[in-house]
N, C-alpha and C. Protein backbone atom coordinates (compact mmCIF):
# COMPACT_ATOMS: atom_id res chain seq x y z
N MET A 1 -106.40 -104.49 60.81
CA MET A 1 -106.20 -105.57 61.78
C MET A 1 -104.94 -106.36 61.47
N LEU A 2 -104.69 -106.63 60.18
CA LEU A 2 -103.49 -107.36 59.78
C LEU A 2 -102.24 -106.59 60.15
N ASN A 3 -102.27 -105.24 59.90
CA ASN A 3 -101.10 -104.43 60.24
C ASN A 3 -100.82 -104.44 61.73
N ARG A 4 -101.88 -104.38 62.55
CA ARG A 4 -101.69 -104.40 63.99
C ARG A 4 -101.08 -105.72 64.43
N TYR A 5 -101.57 -106.84 63.85
CA TYR A 5 -101.05 -108.16 64.20
C TYR A 5 -99.58 -108.27 63.80
N THR A 6 -99.26 -107.76 62.60
CA THR A 6 -97.88 -107.81 62.13
C THR A 6 -96.96 -107.01 63.03
N LEU A 7 -97.42 -105.82 63.48
CA LEU A 7 -96.62 -104.98 64.36
C LEU A 7 -96.36 -105.67 65.69
N THR A 8 -97.39 -106.34 66.22
CA THR A 8 -97.24 -107.05 67.49
C THR A 8 -96.19 -108.14 67.38
N VAL A 9 -96.21 -108.91 66.30
CA VAL A 9 -95.24 -109.97 66.09
C VAL A 9 -93.83 -109.41 65.99
N ILE A 10 -93.68 -108.30 65.26
CA ILE A 10 -92.36 -107.69 65.09
C ILE A 10 -91.81 -107.22 66.43
N LEU A 11 -92.65 -106.58 67.25
CA LEU A 11 -92.21 -106.10 68.56
C LEU A 11 -91.80 -107.27 69.44
N PHE A 12 -92.56 -108.34 69.43
CA PHE A 12 -92.24 -109.51 70.23
C PHE A 12 -90.91 -110.12 69.82
N LEU A 13 -90.70 -110.25 68.52
CA LEU A 13 -89.45 -110.82 68.04
C LEU A 13 -88.28 -109.91 68.36
N THR A 14 -88.48 -108.59 68.27
CA THR A 14 -87.41 -107.66 68.58
C THR A 14 -86.99 -107.77 70.03
N THR A 15 -87.98 -107.89 70.95
CA THR A 15 -87.67 -108.05 72.36
C THR A 15 -86.89 -109.33 72.62
N GLY A 16 -87.31 -110.42 71.97
CA GLY A 16 -86.62 -111.69 72.14
C GLY A 16 -85.19 -111.62 71.66
N ILE A 17 -84.95 -110.97 70.53
CA ILE A 17 -83.60 -110.83 70.00
C ILE A 17 -82.74 -110.01 70.95
N SER A 18 -83.30 -108.93 71.50
CA SER A 18 -82.56 -108.08 72.42
C SER A 18 -82.09 -108.86 73.64
N PHE A 19 -83.02 -109.68 74.22
CA PHE A 19 -82.67 -110.47 75.38
C PHE A 19 -81.60 -111.50 75.03
N ALA A 20 -81.72 -112.09 73.86
CA ALA A 20 -80.79 -113.15 73.46
C ALA A 20 -79.39 -112.62 73.24
N GLN A 21 -79.24 -111.31 73.03
CA GLN A 21 -77.94 -110.74 72.73
C GLN A 21 -77.27 -110.11 73.95
N ILE A 22 -77.65 -110.54 75.14
CA ILE A 22 -77.00 -110.03 76.35
C ILE A 22 -75.51 -110.35 76.29
N LYS A 23 -74.68 -109.32 76.36
CA LYS A 23 -73.25 -109.52 76.35
C LYS A 23 -72.57 -108.33 77.00
N GLY A 24 -71.34 -108.53 77.41
CA GLY A 24 -70.60 -107.46 78.06
C GLY A 24 -70.70 -107.55 79.58
N THR A 25 -70.30 -106.47 80.24
CA THR A 25 -70.24 -106.43 81.70
C THR A 25 -71.32 -105.52 82.27
N TYR A 26 -72.01 -106.02 83.30
CA TYR A 26 -73.06 -105.26 83.98
C TYR A 26 -72.77 -105.28 85.48
N VAL A 27 -72.95 -104.12 86.13
CA VAL A 27 -72.61 -103.98 87.55
C VAL A 27 -73.84 -103.59 88.36
N TYR A 28 -74.05 -104.32 89.47
CA TYR A 28 -75.14 -104.01 90.40
C TYR A 28 -74.55 -103.53 91.72
N SER A 29 -75.07 -102.44 92.27
CA SER A 29 -74.64 -101.92 93.56
C SER A 29 -75.86 -101.82 94.47
N ALA A 30 -75.74 -102.41 95.67
CA ALA A 30 -76.86 -102.38 96.62
C ALA A 30 -76.89 -101.09 97.42
N GLY A 31 -75.92 -100.20 97.19
CA GLY A 31 -75.87 -98.93 97.91
C GLY A 31 -74.47 -98.66 98.43
N VAL A 32 -74.30 -97.50 99.03
CA VAL A 32 -72.99 -97.11 99.55
C VAL A 32 -72.52 -98.10 100.61
N ASP A 33 -71.28 -98.57 100.47
CA ASP A 33 -70.64 -99.50 101.41
C ASP A 33 -71.34 -100.86 101.47
N ALA A 34 -72.17 -101.19 100.48
CA ALA A 34 -72.89 -102.46 100.50
C ALA A 34 -72.29 -103.49 99.56
N GLY A 35 -71.22 -103.13 98.84
CA GLY A 35 -70.61 -104.06 97.92
C GLY A 35 -71.24 -104.02 96.54
N THR A 36 -70.64 -104.74 95.61
CA THR A 36 -71.14 -104.77 94.24
C THR A 36 -71.16 -106.20 93.72
N ARG A 37 -71.96 -106.40 92.67
CA ARG A 37 -72.00 -107.67 91.97
C ARG A 37 -71.84 -107.38 90.49
N THR A 38 -70.90 -108.08 89.85
CA THR A 38 -70.61 -107.85 88.43
C THR A 38 -70.87 -109.13 87.64
N LEU A 39 -71.73 -109.03 86.64
CA LEU A 39 -72.00 -110.13 85.72
C LEU A 39 -71.36 -109.81 84.38
N THR A 40 -70.57 -110.73 83.86
CA THR A 40 -69.92 -110.55 82.57
C THR A 40 -70.36 -111.68 81.64
N PHE A 41 -70.96 -111.32 80.51
CA PHE A 41 -71.45 -112.29 79.53
C PHE A 41 -70.57 -112.27 78.30
N ASN A 42 -70.18 -113.47 77.87
CA ASN A 42 -69.33 -113.58 76.69
C ASN A 42 -69.71 -114.86 75.95
N GLY A 43 -70.32 -114.71 74.78
CA GLY A 43 -70.80 -115.88 74.06
C GLY A 43 -71.91 -116.54 74.84
N SER A 44 -71.75 -117.83 75.17
CA SER A 44 -72.74 -118.54 75.97
C SER A 44 -72.29 -118.71 77.41
N GLY A 45 -71.18 -118.05 77.77
CA GLY A 45 -70.65 -118.16 79.12
C GLY A 45 -70.81 -116.89 79.92
N PHE A 46 -70.69 -117.00 81.25
CA PHE A 46 -70.77 -115.82 82.11
C PHE A 46 -69.83 -115.99 83.30
N LYS A 47 -69.49 -114.84 83.92
CA LYS A 47 -68.74 -114.80 85.18
C LYS A 47 -69.52 -113.93 86.16
N ASP A 48 -69.52 -114.33 87.43
CA ASP A 48 -70.26 -113.62 88.48
C ASP A 48 -69.29 -113.30 89.61
N GLN A 49 -69.00 -112.02 89.81
CA GLN A 49 -68.05 -111.59 90.84
C GLN A 49 -68.75 -110.63 91.81
N SER A 50 -68.76 -110.98 93.09
CA SER A 50 -69.34 -110.12 94.12
C SER A 50 -68.27 -109.71 95.11
N THR A 51 -68.28 -108.44 95.51
CA THR A 51 -67.34 -107.93 96.50
C THR A 51 -68.12 -107.31 97.65
N GLY A 52 -67.62 -107.50 98.88
CA GLY A 52 -68.28 -106.95 100.06
C GLY A 52 -67.29 -106.81 101.19
N HIS A 53 -67.80 -106.44 102.36
CA HIS A 53 -66.91 -106.23 103.50
C HIS A 53 -66.44 -107.54 104.12
N VAL A 54 -67.32 -108.55 104.12
CA VAL A 54 -66.98 -109.80 104.79
C VAL A 54 -66.15 -110.71 103.89
N SER A 55 -66.56 -110.88 102.64
CA SER A 55 -65.86 -111.78 101.73
C SER A 55 -66.23 -111.45 100.30
N ASP A 56 -65.47 -112.04 99.38
CA ASP A 56 -65.77 -111.93 97.95
C ASP A 56 -66.31 -113.27 97.47
N LYS A 57 -67.12 -113.23 96.41
CA LYS A 57 -67.67 -114.44 95.82
C LYS A 57 -67.34 -114.46 94.34
N TYR A 58 -67.11 -115.67 93.83
CA TYR A 58 -66.82 -115.80 92.40
C TYR A 58 -67.49 -117.06 91.87
N GLY A 59 -68.06 -116.94 90.68
CA GLY A 59 -68.65 -118.09 90.01
C GLY A 59 -68.61 -117.90 88.50
N GLU A 60 -68.70 -118.98 87.79
CA GLU A 60 -68.76 -118.90 86.33
C GLU A 60 -69.51 -120.11 85.80
N GLY A 61 -69.99 -119.99 84.56
CA GLY A 61 -70.74 -121.08 83.98
C GLY A 61 -71.30 -120.70 82.62
N SER A 62 -72.41 -121.32 82.25
CA SER A 62 -73.06 -121.03 80.98
C SER A 62 -74.42 -120.39 81.26
N PHE A 63 -74.95 -119.69 80.26
CA PHE A 63 -76.28 -119.09 80.43
C PHE A 63 -77.10 -119.28 79.16
N ARG A 64 -78.40 -119.15 79.33
CA ARG A 64 -79.31 -119.22 78.19
C ARG A 64 -80.52 -118.34 78.45
N ILE A 65 -81.17 -117.93 77.37
CA ILE A 65 -82.39 -117.13 77.42
C ILE A 65 -83.54 -117.99 76.91
N ASP A 66 -84.63 -118.04 77.67
CA ASP A 66 -85.79 -118.83 77.26
C ASP A 66 -87.05 -118.13 77.77
N ASN A 67 -87.90 -117.67 76.82
CA ASN A 67 -89.16 -117.01 77.19
C ASN A 67 -88.93 -115.85 78.15
N ASP A 68 -88.07 -114.94 77.80
CA ASP A 68 -87.67 -113.75 78.55
C ASP A 68 -87.21 -114.05 79.98
N HIS A 69 -86.64 -115.24 80.17
CA HIS A 69 -86.01 -115.60 81.42
C HIS A 69 -84.53 -115.90 81.17
N LEU A 70 -83.70 -115.46 82.10
CA LEU A 70 -82.27 -115.71 82.03
C LEU A 70 -81.92 -116.83 83.01
N TYR A 71 -81.27 -117.89 82.51
CA TYR A 71 -80.88 -119.01 83.35
C TYR A 71 -79.35 -119.04 83.46
N LEU A 72 -78.85 -118.91 84.70
CA LEU A 72 -77.42 -118.96 84.97
C LEU A 72 -77.08 -120.34 85.53
N ASN A 73 -76.30 -121.09 84.77
CA ASN A 73 -75.90 -122.44 85.17
C ASN A 73 -74.46 -122.39 85.69
N TYR A 74 -74.31 -122.41 87.02
CA TYR A 74 -72.99 -122.31 87.64
C TYR A 74 -72.26 -123.64 87.57
N PHE A 75 -71.00 -123.59 87.12
CA PHE A 75 -70.18 -124.80 87.06
C PHE A 75 -69.59 -125.09 88.44
N LYS A 76 -69.17 -126.32 88.64
CA LYS A 76 -68.45 -126.70 89.85
C LYS A 76 -66.98 -126.29 89.68
N LEU A 77 -66.51 -125.40 90.54
CA LEU A 77 -65.14 -124.91 90.46
C LEU A 77 -64.33 -125.41 91.65
N GLU A 78 -63.05 -125.59 91.45
CA GLU A 78 -62.17 -126.05 92.52
C GLU A 78 -61.91 -124.91 93.50
N ASP A 79 -62.01 -125.22 94.78
CA ASP A 79 -61.74 -124.25 95.84
C ASP A 79 -60.67 -124.85 96.75
N LYS A 80 -59.44 -124.36 96.62
CA LYS A 80 -58.32 -124.91 97.39
C LYS A 80 -58.44 -124.62 98.89
N ASP A 81 -59.20 -123.58 99.24
CA ASP A 81 -59.34 -123.20 100.65
C ASP A 81 -60.66 -123.67 101.23
N SER A 82 -61.27 -124.66 100.61
CA SER A 82 -62.60 -125.08 101.04
C SER A 82 -62.56 -125.78 102.39
N SER A 83 -63.68 -125.67 103.10
CA SER A 83 -63.83 -126.38 104.36
C SER A 83 -63.92 -127.88 104.09
N THR A 84 -63.70 -128.67 105.11
CA THR A 84 -63.71 -130.13 104.95
C THR A 84 -64.74 -130.75 105.89
N TYR A 85 -65.11 -131.99 105.59
CA TYR A 85 -66.08 -132.69 106.42
C TYR A 85 -65.87 -134.19 106.33
N LYS A 86 -66.40 -134.88 107.33
CA LYS A 86 -66.39 -136.34 107.35
C LYS A 86 -67.79 -136.81 107.70
N ILE A 87 -68.28 -137.81 106.97
CA ILE A 87 -69.63 -138.31 107.19
C ILE A 87 -69.58 -139.78 107.59
N ASN A 88 -70.25 -140.11 108.69
CA ASN A 88 -70.46 -141.50 109.08
C ASN A 88 -71.95 -141.79 108.92
N THR A 89 -72.29 -142.75 108.06
CA THR A 89 -73.69 -143.00 107.73
C THR A 89 -74.05 -144.47 107.97
N SER A 90 -75.23 -144.68 108.52
CA SER A 90 -75.71 -146.04 108.74
C SER A 90 -76.08 -146.69 107.40
N ASN A 91 -76.05 -148.00 107.37
CA ASN A 91 -76.43 -148.72 106.16
C ASN A 91 -77.93 -148.97 106.10
N GLU A 92 -78.60 -148.94 107.25
CA GLU A 92 -80.03 -149.20 107.29
C GLU A 92 -80.81 -148.01 106.73
N LEU A 93 -81.98 -148.31 106.16
CA LEU A 93 -82.88 -147.27 105.67
C LEU A 93 -84.03 -147.11 106.66
N TYR A 94 -84.45 -145.85 106.85
CA TYR A 94 -85.51 -145.53 107.80
C TYR A 94 -86.61 -144.74 107.08
N GLY A 95 -87.70 -144.50 107.79
CA GLY A 95 -88.80 -143.72 107.23
C GLY A 95 -88.59 -142.23 107.44
N TYR A 96 -87.40 -141.84 107.84
CA TYR A 96 -87.05 -140.45 108.08
C TYR A 96 -85.55 -140.27 107.87
N THR A 97 -85.10 -139.03 107.93
CA THR A 97 -83.67 -138.73 107.82
C THR A 97 -83.21 -138.01 109.09
N ARG A 98 -82.13 -138.48 109.70
CA ARG A 98 -81.59 -137.85 110.89
C ARG A 98 -80.13 -137.48 110.64
N ILE A 99 -79.78 -136.21 110.87
CA ILE A 99 -78.41 -135.74 110.66
C ILE A 99 -77.91 -135.07 111.93
N PHE A 100 -76.86 -135.63 112.52
CA PHE A 100 -76.18 -135.01 113.65
C PHE A 100 -74.97 -134.27 113.10
N VAL A 101 -74.75 -133.05 113.57
CA VAL A 101 -73.65 -132.22 113.07
C VAL A 101 -72.83 -131.69 114.24
N GLN A 102 -71.50 -131.71 114.08
CA GLN A 102 -70.62 -131.03 115.02
C GLN A 102 -69.60 -130.23 114.20
N ALA A 103 -69.51 -128.93 114.49
CA ALA A 103 -68.67 -128.02 113.70
C ALA A 103 -67.45 -127.58 114.51
N PHE A 104 -66.31 -127.49 113.80
CA PHE A 104 -65.05 -127.10 114.43
C PHE A 104 -64.35 -126.05 113.59
N ASP A 105 -63.52 -125.24 114.25
CA ASP A 105 -62.50 -124.41 113.60
C ASP A 105 -61.18 -125.01 114.05
N GLY A 106 -60.62 -125.89 113.22
CA GLY A 106 -59.47 -126.67 113.68
C GLY A 106 -59.94 -127.67 114.71
N LYS A 107 -59.47 -127.50 115.96
CA LYS A 107 -59.90 -128.39 117.04
C LYS A 107 -60.89 -127.72 117.99
N THR A 108 -61.26 -126.47 117.69
CA THR A 108 -62.16 -125.70 118.57
C THR A 108 -63.61 -125.82 118.11
N PRO A 109 -64.51 -126.33 118.96
CA PRO A 109 -65.94 -126.39 118.57
C PRO A 109 -66.49 -124.99 118.31
N MET A 110 -67.38 -124.87 117.32
CA MET A 110 -67.95 -123.58 116.93
C MET A 110 -69.45 -123.56 117.21
N ASN A 111 -69.86 -122.66 118.11
CA ASN A 111 -71.29 -122.46 118.37
C ASN A 111 -71.83 -121.40 117.43
N GLY A 112 -73.14 -121.46 117.15
CA GLY A 112 -73.78 -120.46 116.28
C GLY A 112 -73.60 -120.71 114.80
N VAL A 113 -73.12 -121.89 114.42
CA VAL A 113 -72.97 -122.24 113.00
C VAL A 113 -74.34 -122.62 112.44
N GLN A 114 -74.68 -122.07 111.28
CA GLN A 114 -75.98 -122.37 110.67
C GLN A 114 -75.91 -123.68 109.88
N VAL A 115 -76.83 -124.58 110.21
CA VAL A 115 -76.99 -125.83 109.46
C VAL A 115 -78.34 -125.73 108.76
N ALA A 116 -78.34 -125.84 107.42
CA ALA A 116 -79.57 -125.57 106.67
C ALA A 116 -79.87 -126.65 105.66
N LEU A 117 -81.16 -126.80 105.39
CA LEU A 117 -81.67 -127.65 104.31
C LEU A 117 -82.22 -126.73 103.25
N ARG A 118 -81.83 -126.93 101.97
CA ARG A 118 -82.17 -126.00 100.90
C ARG A 118 -82.82 -126.72 99.73
N ASP A 119 -83.63 -125.94 98.98
CA ASP A 119 -84.28 -126.52 97.80
C ASP A 119 -83.38 -126.40 96.58
N GLY A 120 -83.92 -126.75 95.41
CA GLY A 120 -83.12 -126.77 94.20
C GLY A 120 -82.61 -125.42 93.76
N GLU A 121 -83.27 -124.32 94.20
CA GLU A 121 -82.82 -122.96 93.89
C GLU A 121 -82.01 -122.36 95.03
N PHE A 122 -81.65 -123.18 95.99
CA PHE A 122 -80.79 -122.83 97.11
C PHE A 122 -81.50 -121.98 98.17
N ASN A 123 -82.82 -121.93 98.14
CA ASN A 123 -83.58 -121.26 99.19
C ASN A 123 -83.63 -122.15 100.43
N ILE A 124 -83.59 -121.54 101.61
CA ILE A 124 -83.61 -122.30 102.85
C ILE A 124 -85.01 -122.84 103.12
N VAL A 125 -85.11 -124.14 103.33
CA VAL A 125 -86.36 -124.79 103.72
C VAL A 125 -86.45 -124.86 105.24
N PHE A 126 -85.32 -125.18 105.88
CA PHE A 126 -85.24 -125.23 107.33
C PHE A 126 -83.80 -124.99 107.74
N ALA A 127 -83.62 -124.34 108.89
CA ALA A 127 -82.27 -124.07 109.39
C ALA A 127 -82.24 -124.10 110.91
N ALA A 128 -81.09 -124.49 111.46
CA ALA A 128 -80.87 -124.49 112.90
C ALA A 128 -79.42 -124.12 113.15
N ASP A 129 -79.12 -123.59 114.34
CA ASP A 129 -77.76 -123.21 114.71
C ASP A 129 -77.16 -124.23 115.66
N SER A 130 -75.83 -124.41 115.53
CA SER A 130 -75.14 -125.29 116.46
C SER A 130 -75.12 -124.67 117.86
N MET A 131 -75.24 -125.52 118.86
CA MET A 131 -75.31 -125.05 120.24
C MET A 131 -74.02 -125.43 120.98
N SER A 132 -74.15 -125.92 122.17
CA SER A 132 -73.00 -126.27 122.99
C SER A 132 -72.09 -127.26 122.29
N GLU A 133 -70.79 -126.98 122.34
CA GLU A 133 -69.75 -127.82 121.73
C GLU A 133 -69.93 -127.95 120.22
N GLY A 134 -70.58 -126.97 119.60
CA GLY A 134 -70.74 -126.97 118.14
C GLY A 134 -71.68 -128.02 117.60
N LYS A 135 -72.59 -128.51 118.43
CA LYS A 135 -73.45 -129.62 118.03
C LYS A 135 -74.87 -129.17 117.71
N THR A 136 -75.48 -129.85 116.77
CA THR A 136 -76.91 -129.71 116.49
C THR A 136 -77.38 -130.98 115.76
N SER A 137 -78.68 -131.17 115.73
CA SER A 137 -79.23 -132.37 115.11
C SER A 137 -80.52 -132.03 114.38
N LEU A 138 -80.71 -132.61 113.21
CA LEU A 138 -81.91 -132.37 112.41
C LEU A 138 -82.60 -133.71 112.12
N ARG A 139 -83.93 -133.65 112.14
CA ARG A 139 -84.72 -134.81 111.70
C ARG A 139 -85.66 -134.33 110.60
N VAL A 140 -85.70 -135.08 109.49
CA VAL A 140 -86.52 -134.71 108.34
C VAL A 140 -87.47 -135.86 108.03
N ASP A 141 -88.76 -135.57 108.07
CA ASP A 141 -89.77 -136.58 107.75
C ASP A 141 -90.26 -136.46 106.31
N LYS A 142 -90.33 -135.21 105.80
CA LYS A 142 -90.75 -134.98 104.42
C LYS A 142 -89.64 -134.23 103.70
N ALA A 143 -89.09 -134.85 102.68
CA ALA A 143 -87.90 -134.29 102.02
C ALA A 143 -88.10 -133.99 100.55
N GLU A 144 -89.35 -133.82 100.10
CA GLU A 144 -89.61 -133.66 98.67
C GLU A 144 -88.89 -132.44 98.08
N LYS A 145 -88.84 -131.32 98.81
CA LYS A 145 -88.27 -130.09 98.28
C LYS A 145 -86.76 -129.96 98.53
N ILE A 146 -86.22 -130.79 99.37
CA ILE A 146 -84.84 -130.60 99.82
C ILE A 146 -83.84 -131.20 98.82
N GLN A 147 -82.88 -130.38 98.41
CA GLN A 147 -81.84 -130.81 97.48
C GLN A 147 -80.44 -130.70 98.06
N TYR A 148 -80.23 -129.76 98.99
CA TYR A 148 -78.88 -129.52 99.52
C TYR A 148 -78.87 -129.43 101.04
N PHE A 149 -77.76 -129.84 101.62
CA PHE A 149 -77.47 -129.67 103.04
C PHE A 149 -76.26 -128.75 103.12
N THR A 150 -76.38 -127.65 103.89
CA THR A 150 -75.27 -126.69 103.96
C THR A 150 -74.92 -126.37 105.41
N VAL A 151 -73.64 -126.01 105.61
CA VAL A 151 -73.15 -125.56 106.91
C VAL A 151 -72.45 -124.22 106.68
N ASP A 152 -72.88 -123.18 107.43
CA ASP A 152 -72.38 -121.81 107.20
C ASP A 152 -71.99 -121.13 108.50
N PHE A 153 -70.95 -120.30 108.40
CA PHE A 153 -70.62 -119.36 109.47
C PHE A 153 -69.94 -118.17 108.80
N ILE A 154 -70.34 -116.96 109.22
CA ILE A 154 -69.82 -115.75 108.58
C ILE A 154 -68.30 -115.71 108.63
N GLY A 155 -67.70 -115.48 107.45
CA GLY A 155 -66.26 -115.41 107.37
C GLY A 155 -65.56 -116.73 107.10
N TYR A 156 -66.37 -117.81 106.94
CA TYR A 156 -65.81 -119.14 106.70
C TYR A 156 -66.41 -119.72 105.42
N ASN A 157 -65.68 -120.64 104.80
CA ASN A 157 -66.16 -121.28 103.58
C ASN A 157 -67.30 -122.24 103.88
N ARG A 158 -68.33 -122.16 103.07
CA ARG A 158 -69.54 -122.96 103.23
C ARG A 158 -69.30 -124.42 102.85
N ILE A 159 -69.98 -125.29 103.59
CA ILE A 159 -70.04 -126.71 103.24
C ILE A 159 -71.35 -126.95 102.48
N ILE A 160 -71.27 -127.63 101.33
CA ILE A 160 -72.46 -127.97 100.54
C ILE A 160 -72.41 -129.46 100.22
N ILE A 161 -73.46 -130.18 100.60
CA ILE A 161 -73.52 -131.62 100.36
C ILE A 161 -74.90 -131.94 99.77
N PRO A 162 -74.96 -132.71 98.69
CA PRO A 162 -76.27 -133.12 98.17
C PRO A 162 -77.06 -133.88 99.23
N PHE A 163 -78.31 -133.50 99.42
CA PHE A 163 -79.12 -134.13 100.48
C PHE A 163 -79.33 -135.61 100.22
N SER A 164 -79.23 -136.03 98.97
CA SER A 164 -79.44 -137.44 98.63
C SER A 164 -78.47 -138.37 99.38
N ARG A 165 -77.34 -137.84 99.83
CA ARG A 165 -76.38 -138.65 100.59
C ARG A 165 -76.92 -139.05 101.96
N PHE A 166 -77.91 -138.30 102.45
CA PHE A 166 -78.44 -138.55 103.79
C PHE A 166 -79.83 -139.17 103.79
N LEU A 167 -80.49 -139.18 102.66
CA LEU A 167 -81.91 -139.51 102.58
C LEU A 167 -82.23 -140.86 103.20
N GLN A 168 -83.16 -140.86 104.16
CA GLN A 168 -83.66 -142.04 104.86
C GLN A 168 -82.55 -142.80 105.59
N LYS A 169 -81.55 -142.06 106.07
CA LYS A 169 -80.46 -142.67 106.83
C LYS A 169 -80.19 -141.86 108.09
N ARG A 170 -79.41 -142.43 108.97
CA ARG A 170 -78.90 -141.71 110.14
C ARG A 170 -77.43 -141.42 109.89
N SER A 171 -77.07 -140.13 109.97
CA SER A 171 -75.71 -139.72 109.62
C SER A 171 -75.13 -138.80 110.67
N ASP A 172 -73.82 -138.94 110.89
CA ASP A 172 -73.06 -138.02 111.74
C ASP A 172 -72.09 -137.26 110.83
N VAL A 173 -72.14 -135.92 110.91
CA VAL A 173 -71.29 -135.08 110.06
C VAL A 173 -70.37 -134.24 110.94
N PHE A 174 -69.07 -134.38 110.72
CA PHE A 174 -68.08 -133.60 111.47
C PHE A 174 -67.42 -132.63 110.50
N VAL A 175 -67.56 -131.33 110.80
CA VAL A 175 -67.16 -130.28 109.88
C VAL A 175 -65.98 -129.49 110.43
N ASP A 176 -64.99 -129.23 109.57
CA ASP A 176 -63.87 -128.34 109.91
C ASP A 176 -63.96 -127.14 108.98
N LEU A 177 -64.46 -126.02 109.50
CA LEU A 177 -64.65 -124.82 108.69
C LEU A 177 -63.36 -124.04 108.55
N LYS A 178 -63.07 -123.58 107.31
CA LYS A 178 -61.87 -122.82 107.03
C LYS A 178 -62.23 -121.35 106.72
N PRO A 179 -61.42 -120.40 107.18
CA PRO A 179 -61.71 -118.98 106.92
C PRO A 179 -61.81 -118.69 105.43
N GLN A 180 -62.75 -117.80 105.09
CA GLN A 180 -62.98 -117.44 103.70
C GLN A 180 -61.93 -116.45 103.21
N ARG A 181 -61.51 -116.68 102.00
CA ARG A 181 -60.72 -115.69 101.28
C ARG A 181 -61.53 -115.22 100.07
N ASN A 182 -61.87 -116.17 99.23
CA ASN A 182 -62.72 -115.87 98.08
C ASN A 182 -63.69 -117.03 97.92
N MET A 183 -64.93 -116.81 98.29
CA MET A 183 -65.93 -117.87 98.27
C MET A 183 -66.29 -118.25 96.84
N ILE A 184 -66.31 -119.55 96.56
CA ILE A 184 -66.69 -120.06 95.25
C ILE A 184 -68.18 -120.36 95.24
N GLU A 185 -68.90 -119.82 94.24
CA GLU A 185 -70.33 -120.09 94.12
C GLU A 185 -70.56 -121.59 93.86
N PRO A 186 -71.53 -122.19 94.53
CA PRO A 186 -71.79 -123.63 94.35
C PRO A 186 -72.44 -123.91 93.00
N PRO A 187 -72.27 -125.12 92.48
CA PRO A 187 -72.93 -125.48 91.21
C PRO A 187 -74.44 -125.53 91.39
N ARG A 188 -75.16 -124.84 90.50
CA ARG A 188 -76.61 -124.77 90.57
C ARG A 188 -77.09 -124.00 89.35
N THR A 189 -78.40 -123.89 89.19
CA THR A 189 -79.00 -123.06 88.14
C THR A 189 -79.91 -122.03 88.79
N GLU A 190 -79.71 -120.76 88.46
CA GLU A 190 -80.55 -119.68 88.96
C GLU A 190 -81.36 -119.10 87.80
N ALA A 191 -82.62 -118.80 88.05
CA ALA A 191 -83.51 -118.26 87.02
C ALA A 191 -83.91 -116.83 87.37
N TYR A 192 -83.84 -115.94 86.39
CA TYR A 192 -84.25 -114.55 86.55
C TYR A 192 -85.19 -114.16 85.40
N LYS A 193 -86.20 -113.38 85.72
CA LYS A 193 -87.02 -112.80 84.67
C LYS A 193 -86.31 -111.54 84.17
N VAL A 194 -86.16 -111.43 82.85
CA VAL A 194 -85.51 -110.26 82.25
C VAL A 194 -86.57 -109.19 82.00
N VAL A 195 -86.48 -108.09 82.76
CA VAL A 195 -87.41 -106.99 82.59
C VAL A 195 -86.93 -106.04 81.51
N LYS A 196 -85.61 -105.81 81.46
CA LYS A 196 -85.05 -104.89 80.47
C LYS A 196 -83.61 -105.29 80.16
N SER A 197 -83.24 -105.17 78.92
CA SER A 197 -81.87 -105.44 78.50
C SER A 197 -81.54 -104.55 77.32
N ASP A 198 -80.63 -103.60 77.53
CA ASP A 198 -80.18 -102.75 76.43
C ASP A 198 -78.71 -102.39 76.64
N HIS A 199 -78.22 -101.40 75.92
CA HIS A 199 -76.80 -101.05 75.99
C HIS A 199 -76.42 -100.39 77.31
N ASN A 200 -77.41 -99.95 78.09
CA ASN A 200 -77.12 -99.22 79.33
C ASN A 200 -77.50 -99.97 80.60
N ASN A 201 -78.56 -100.78 80.54
CA ASN A 201 -79.07 -101.42 81.74
C ASN A 201 -79.49 -102.87 81.51
N LEU A 202 -79.44 -103.63 82.60
CA LEU A 202 -79.97 -104.99 82.63
C LEU A 202 -80.77 -105.10 83.93
N ILE A 203 -82.09 -105.29 83.81
CA ILE A 203 -82.94 -105.38 84.98
C ILE A 203 -83.46 -106.81 85.10
N LEU A 204 -83.17 -107.45 86.26
CA LEU A 204 -83.54 -108.83 86.49
C LEU A 204 -84.39 -108.94 87.76
N ILE A 205 -85.30 -109.92 87.78
CA ILE A 205 -86.08 -110.24 88.96
C ILE A 205 -85.86 -111.71 89.29
N ASN A 206 -85.44 -112.00 90.55
CA ASN A 206 -85.18 -113.39 90.90
C ASN A 206 -86.46 -114.10 91.33
N SER A 207 -86.32 -115.37 91.75
CA SER A 207 -87.49 -116.19 92.07
C SER A 207 -88.23 -115.71 93.31
N GLN A 208 -87.58 -114.86 94.13
CA GLN A 208 -88.24 -114.30 95.32
C GLN A 208 -88.88 -112.94 95.04
N GLY A 209 -88.81 -112.50 93.77
CA GLY A 209 -89.42 -111.23 93.40
C GLY A 209 -88.54 -110.02 93.64
N ARG A 210 -87.27 -110.23 93.97
CA ARG A 210 -86.36 -109.11 94.19
C ARG A 210 -85.81 -108.61 92.86
N GLU A 211 -85.81 -107.29 92.69
CA GLU A 211 -85.34 -106.69 91.44
C GLU A 211 -83.90 -106.23 91.55
N PHE A 212 -83.12 -106.46 90.50
CA PHE A 212 -81.72 -106.05 90.45
C PHE A 212 -81.52 -105.17 89.21
N LEU A 213 -81.06 -103.96 89.43
CA LEU A 213 -80.76 -103.05 88.33
C LEU A 213 -79.25 -103.02 88.11
N PHE A 214 -78.81 -103.61 87.01
CA PHE A 214 -77.40 -103.61 86.63
C PHE A 214 -77.17 -102.50 85.59
N THR A 215 -76.08 -101.79 85.74
CA THR A 215 -75.70 -100.78 84.74
C THR A 215 -74.51 -101.28 83.95
N LYS A 216 -74.45 -100.90 82.69
CA LYS A 216 -73.39 -101.39 81.81
C LYS A 216 -72.04 -100.88 82.29
N GLY A 217 -71.08 -101.78 82.42
CA GLY A 217 -69.73 -101.43 82.84
C GLY A 217 -68.84 -101.22 81.65
N LYS A 218 -67.62 -100.85 81.94
CA LYS A 218 -66.65 -100.61 80.86
C LYS A 218 -66.01 -101.91 80.42
């Protein structure tokens, strides 16, 4: 019985050490013509580079391993080509949050722009599209899960604003979306369960249960 217990402890510690030593470059491919995602680990830092047909994404930050989970902490990076916005907010506080949005490409109103409310892991809680003249409006009565307000259109740089700027106020947001060249990942923390980590593969599962098989790169 003692030997079995000792073996179990050794195996557990070995797995923990293996996960803690994630380093080097790992590449994920979603299939032919679907683009790739490359994670590069060096010391306590990482870089995340995604390539696709519509745009490329880049992010970097720090990472840590805790209880066979990998946490990627994305830093806030400067984006010279980022979209811009202007917010007009009331000083009064209300029992709800109301956000009016109008989206433009330069001086041209943009219809079909996605306006979304997201949680702390950047999952969409609610979303609506801009309609005539690029306008849409959201009302939020319960905001416990909401952390971010985003404005998106394919091929353009995303707008990300902390939801706390709007909480219990009435706000008008005017957005000027700029075409994407290289999208910068927003600052946040992503958690993955580490299923396997060795010299050849890195298998991760995200918070939605999706599995990613990364193969070791050169």
